[in-house]
């Protein structure tokens, strides 16, 4: 799962959901030039979710 937002921990640009696929796509329009985008990727291992910023 992948989330992307303009504030750390937010998903106002994308929340991919759990699809079982190995890819995720940001679906919202890109923010204004110079705006920081924060991305957090989640992975599930042995039933436990882990996040990576």
PDB file of N, CA and C in Angstrom:
ATOM      1  N   UNK A   1       0.855  -1.163   0.000  1.00  0.00           N
ATOM      2  CA  UNK A   1       0.000   0.000   0.000  1.00  0.00           C
ATOM      3  C   UNK A   1       0.902   1.228   0.000  1.00  0.00           C
ATOM      4  N   UNK A   2       0.436   2.288  -0.631  1.00  0.00           N
ATOM      5  CA  UNK A   2       1.208   3.516  -0.742  1.00  0.00           C
ATOM      6  C   UNK A   2       0.288   4.696  -0.469  1.00  0.00           C
ATOM      7  N   UNK A   3       0.763   5.651   0.332  1.00  0.00           N
ATOM      8  CA  UNK A   3       0.020   6.891   0.521  1.00  0.00           C
ATOM      9  C   UNK A   3       0.939   8.054   0.166  1.00  0.00           C
ATOM     10  N   UNK A   4       0.354   9.129  -0.366  1.00  0.00           N
ATOM     11  CA  UNK A   4       1.118  10.320  -0.717  1.00  0.00           C
ATOM     12  C   UNK A   4       0.299  11.540  -0.346  1.00  0.00           C
ATOM     13  N   UNK A   5       0.966  12.540   0.198  1.00  0.00           N
ATOM     14  CA  UNK A   5       0.268  13.752   0.601  1.00  0.00           C
ATOM     15  C   UNK A   5       1.197  14.933   0.706  1.00  0.00           C
ATOM     16  N   UNK A   6       0.612  16.098   0.896  1.00  0.00           N
ATOM     17  CA  UNK A   6       1.404  17.323   1.019  1.00  0.00           C
ATOM     18  C   UNK A   6       1.776  17.630   2.470  1.00  0.00           C
ATOM     19  N   UNK A   7       1.306  16.802   3.399  1.00  0.00           N
ATOM     20  CA  UNK A   7       1.656  16.892   4.815  1.00  0.00           C
ATOM     21  C   UNK A   7       2.095  15.497   5.246  1.00  0.00           C
ATOM     22  N   UNK A   8       3.150  15.396   6.031  1.00  0.00           N
ATOM     23  CA  UNK A   8       3.642  14.091   6.474  1.00  0.00           C
ATOM     24  C   UNK A   8       2.523  13.270   7.109  1.00  0.00           C
ATOM     25  N   UNK A   9       2.352  12.042   6.648  1.00  0.00           N
ATOM     26  CA  UNK A   9       1.332  11.152   7.193  1.00  0.00           C
ATOM     27  C   UNK A   9      -0.037  11.298   6.566  1.00  0.00           C
ATOM     28  N   UNK A  10      -0.222  12.291   5.677  1.00  0.00           N
ATOM     29  CA  UNK A  10      -1.539  12.491   5.068  1.00  0.00           C
ATOM     30  C   UNK A  10      -1.650  11.693   3.766  1.00  0.00           C
ATOM     31  N   UNK A  11      -2.874  11.582   3.263  1.00  0.00           N
ATOM     32  CA  UNK A  11      -3.083  10.897   1.984  1.00  0.00           C
ATOM     33  C   UNK A  11      -3.954  11.740   1.057  1.00  0.00           C
ATOM     34  N   UNK A  12      -3.773  13.067   1.100  1.00  0.00           N
ATOM     35  CA  UNK A  12      -4.614  13.940   0.284  1.00  0.00           C
ATOM     36  C   UNK A  12      -4.282  13.880  -1.210  1.00  0.00           C
ATOM     37  N   UNK A  13      -3.190  13.218  -1.580  1.00  0.00           N
ATOM     38  CA  UNK A  13      -2.884  13.030  -2.997  1.00  0.00           C
ATOM     39  C   UNK A  13      -3.214  11.620  -3.462  1.00  0.00           C
ATOM     40  N   UNK A  14      -3.036  10.640  -2.603  1.00  0.00           N
ATOM     41  CA  UNK A  14      -3.275   9.260  -3.008  1.00  0.00           C
ATOM     42  C   UNK A  14      -3.314   8.342  -1.801  1.00  0.00           C
ATOM     43  N   UNK A  15      -4.146   7.346  -1.882  1.00  0.00           N
ATOM     44  CA  UNK A  15      -4.124   6.208  -0.966  1.00  0.00           C
ATOM     45  C   UNK A  15      -4.429   4.998  -1.825  1.00  0.00           C
ATOM     46  N   UNK A  16      -3.411   4.195  -2.097  1.00  0.00           N
ATOM     47  CA  UNK A  16      -3.559   3.137  -3.082  1.00  0.00           C
ATOM     48  C   UNK A  16      -4.471   2.006  -2.630  1.00  0.00           C
ATOM     49  N   UNK A  17      -4.626   1.835  -1.321  1.00  0.00           N
ATOM     50  CA  UNK A  17      -5.412   0.699  -0.842  1.00  0.00           C
ATOM     51  C   UNK A  17      -4.612  -0.576  -0.965  1.00  0.00           C
ATOM     52  N   UNK A  18      -5.174  -1.642  -0.480  1.00  0.00           N
ATOM     53  CA  UNK A  18      -4.503  -2.935  -0.515  1.00  0.00           C
ATOM     54  C   UNK A  18      -5.044  -3.698  -1.712  1.00  0.00           C
ATOM     55  N   UNK A  19      -4.195  -3.889  -2.707  1.00  0.00           N
ATOM     56  CA  UNK A  19      -4.656  -4.537  -3.937  1.00  0.00           C
ATOM     57  C   UNK A  19      -4.004  -5.884  -4.178  1.00  0.00           C
ATOM     58  N   UNK A  20      -2.925  -6.167  -3.481  1.00  0.00           N
ATOM     59  CA  UNK A  20      -2.185  -7.388  -3.742  1.00  0.00           C
ATOM     60  C   UNK A  20      -1.209  -7.233  -4.896  1.00  0.00           C
ATOM     61  N   UNK A  21      -1.267  -6.102  -5.581  1.00  0.00           N
ATOM     62  CA  UNK A  21      -0.356  -5.841  -6.698  1.00  0.00           C
ATOM     63  C   UNK A  21       0.988  -5.360  -6.162  1.00  0.00           C
ATOM     64  N   UNK A  22       1.977  -5.437  -6.992  1.00  0.00           N
ATOM     65  CA  UNK A  22       3.315  -4.988  -6.610  1.00  0.00           C
ATOM     66  C   UNK A  22       3.576  -3.551  -7.025  1.00  0.00           C
ATOM     67  N   UNK A  23       2.554  -2.842  -7.510  1.00  0.00           N
ATOM     68  CA  UNK A  23       2.724  -1.467  -7.952  1.00  0.00           C
ATOM     69  C   UNK A  23       1.625  -0.588  -7.382  1.00  0.00           C
ATOM     70  N   UNK A  24       1.871   0.705  -7.331  1.00  0.00           N
ATOM     71  CA  UNK A  24       0.870   1.685  -6.905  1.00  0.00           C
ATOM     72  C   UNK A  24       1.045   2.925  -7.768  1.00  0.00           C
ATOM     73  N   UNK A  25      -0.025   3.658  -7.977  1.00  0.00           N
ATOM     74  CA  UNK A  25       0.000   4.839  -8.828  1.00  0.00           C
ATOM     75  C   UNK A  25      -0.601   6.030  -8.100  1.00  0.00           C
ATOM     76  N   UNK A  26       0.077   7.167  -8.130  1.00  0.00           N
ATOM     77  CA  UNK A  26      -0.473   8.398  -7.576  1.00  0.00           C
ATOM     78  C   UNK A  26      -1.496   8.920  -8.580  1.00  0.00           C
ATOM     79  N   UNK A  27      -2.739   9.090  -8.138  1.00  0.00           N
ATOM     80  CA  UNK A  27      -3.825   9.412  -9.061  1.00  0.00           C
ATOM     81  C   UNK A  27      -4.241  10.874  -9.060  1.00  0.00           C
ATOM     82  N   UNK A  28      -3.823  11.642  -8.092  1.00  0.00           N
ATOM     83  CA  UNK A  28      -4.203  13.059  -8.029  1.00  0.00           C
ATOM     84  C   UNK A  28      -3.242  13.898  -8.861  1.00  0.00           C
ATOM     85  N   UNK A  29      -3.685  15.081  -9.216  1.00  0.00           N
ATOM     86  CA  UNK A  29      -2.816  16.007  -9.942  1.00  0.00           C
ATOM     87  C   UNK A  29      -1.639  16.403  -9.061  1.00  0.00           C
ATOM     88  N   UNK A  30      -0.528  16.656  -9.677  1.00  0.00           N
ATOM     89  CA  UNK A  30       0.654  17.076  -8.926  1.00  0.00           C
ATOM     90  C   UNK A  30       0.392  18.427  -8.274  1.00  0.00           C
ATOM     91  N   UNK A  31       0.910  18.647  -7.066  1.00  0.00           N
ATOM     92  CA  UNK A  31       0.716  19.940  -6.402  1.00  0.00           C
ATOM     93  C   UNK A  31       1.553  21.025  -7.091  1.00  0.00           C
ATOM     94  N   UNK A  32       1.353  22.249  -6.658  1.00  0.00           N
ATOM     95  CA  UNK A  32       2.065  23.391  -7.229  1.00  0.00           C
ATOM     96  C   UNK A  32       3.578  23.181  -7.151  1.00  0.00           C
ATOM     97  N   UNK A  33       4.277  23.756  -8.096  1.00  0.00           N
ATOM     98  CA  UNK A  33       5.730  23.661  -8.158  1.00  0.00           C
ATOM     99  C   UNK A  33       6.348  24.101  -6.830  1.00  0.00           C
ATOM    100  N   UNK A  34       7.283  23.326  -6.345  1.00  0.00           N
ATOM    101  CA  UNK A  34       7.965  23.656  -5.102  1.00  0.00           C
ATOM    102  C   UNK A  34       7.312  23.075  -3.861  1.00  0.00           C
ATOM    103  N   UNK A  35       6.117  22.461  -4.005  1.00  0.00           N
ATOM    104  CA  UNK A  35       5.430  21.854  -2.872  1.00  0.00           C
ATOM    105  C   UNK A  35       6.063  20.508  -2.549  1.00  0.00           C
ATOM    106  N   UNK A  36       6.359  20.281  -1.292  1.00  0.00           N
ATOM    107  CA  UNK A  36       6.917  19.001  -0.867  1.00  0.00           C
ATOM    108  C   UNK A  36       5.836  17.936  -0.892  1.00  0.00           C
ATOM    109  N   UNK A  37       6.175  16.749  -1.394  1.00  0.00           N
ATOM    110  CA  UNK A  37       5.266  15.603  -1.398  1.00  0.00           C
ATOM    111  C   UNK A  37       5.874  14.530  -0.507  1.00  0.00           C
ATOM    112  N   UNK A  38       5.093  14.047   0.452  1.00  0.00           N
ATOM    113  CA  UNK A  38       5.522  13.000   1.367  1.00  0.00           C
ATOM    114  C   UNK A  38       4.896  11.676   0.926  1.00  0.00           C
ATOM    115  N   UNK A  39       5.703  10.626   0.927  1.00  0.00           N
ATOM    116  CA  UNK A  39       5.222   9.306   0.508  1.00  0.00           C
ATOM    117  C   UNK A  39       5.541   8.294   1.599  1.00  0.00           C
ATOM    118  N   UNK A  40       4.581   7.441   1.880  1.00  0.00           N
ATOM    119  CA  UNK A  40       4.782   6.366   2.848  1.00  0.00           C
ATOM    120  C   UNK A  40       4.352   5.057   2.199  1.00  0.00           C
ATOM    121  N   UNK A  41       5.259   4.112   2.162  1.00  0.00           N
ATOM    122  CA  UNK A  41       4.965   2.787   1.613  1.00  0.00           C
ATOM    123  C   UNK A  41       4.761   1.818   2.772  1.00  0.00           C
ATOM    124  N   UNK A  42       3.758   0.985   2.642  1.00  0.00           N
ATOM    125  CA  UNK A  42       3.473  -0.039   3.645  1.00  0.00           C
ATOM    126  C   UNK A  42       3.720  -1.416   3.051  1.00  0.00           C
ATOM    127  N   UNK A  43       4.234  -2.306   3.857  1.00  0.00           N
ATOM    128  CA  UNK A  43       4.383  -3.694   3.433  1.00  0.00           C
ATOM    129  C   UNK A  43       3.883  -4.593   4.551  1.00  0.00           C
ATOM    130  N   UNK A  44       3.406  -5.755   4.180  1.00  0.00           N
ATOM    131  CA  UNK A  44       2.867  -6.699   5.160  1.00  0.00           C
ATOM    132  C   UNK A  44       3.724  -7.952   5.136  1.00  0.00           C
ATOM    133  N   UNK A  45       4.253  -8.305   6.294  1.00  0.00           N
ATOM    134  CA  UNK A  45       5.114  -9.465   6.421  1.00  0.00           C
ATOM    135  C   UNK A  45       4.617 -10.312   7.581  1.00  0.00           C
ATOM    136  N   UNK A  46       4.256 -11.537   7.301  1.00  0.00           N
ATOM    137  CA  UNK A  46       3.735 -12.458   8.331  1.00  0.00           C
ATOM    138  C   UNK A  46       2.573 -11.860   9.108  1.00  0.00           C
ATOM    139  N   UNK A  47       1.680 -11.145   8.384  1.00  0.00           N
ATOM    140  CA  UNK A  47       0.484 -10.592   8.997  1.00  0.00           C
ATOM    141  C   UNK A  47       0.678  -9.285   9.733  1.00  0.00           C
ATOM    142  N   UNK A  48       1.886  -8.720   9.719  1.00  0.00           N
ATOM    143  CA  UNK A  48       2.175  -7.474  10.423  1.00  0.00           C
ATOM    144  C   UNK A  48       2.488  -6.386   9.396  1.00  0.00           C
ATOM    145  N   UNK A  49       1.829  -5.203   9.520  1.00  0.00           N
ATOM    146  CA  UNK A  49       2.070  -4.083   8.621  1.00  0.00           C
ATOM    147  C   UNK A  49       3.260  -3.263   9.094  1.00  0.00           C
ATOM    148  N   UNK A  50       4.115  -2.878   8.152  1.00  0.00           N
ATOM    149  CA  UNK A  50       5.282  -2.034   8.408  1.00  0.00           C
ATOM    150  C   UNK A  50       5.204  -0.830   7.464  1.00  0.00           C
ATOM    151  N   UNK A  51       5.648   0.334   7.927  1.00  0.00           N
ATOM    152  CA  UNK A  51       5.650   1.510   7.054  1.00  0.00           C
ATOM    153  C   UNK A  51       7.073   2.003   6.850  1.00  0.00           C
ATOM    154  N   UNK A  52       7.271   2.590   5.668  1.00  0.00           N
ATOM    155  CA  UNK A  52       8.576   3.168   5.304  1.00  0.00           C
ATOM    156  C   UNK A  52       8.318   4.541   4.701  1.00  0.00           C
ATOM    157  N   UNK A  53       8.978   5.563   5.267  1.00  0.00           N
ATOM    158  CA  UNK A  53       8.816   6.929   4.746  1.00  0.00           C
ATOM    159  C   UNK A  53       9.889   7.192   3.712  1.00  0.00           C
TER     160      UNK A  53
END
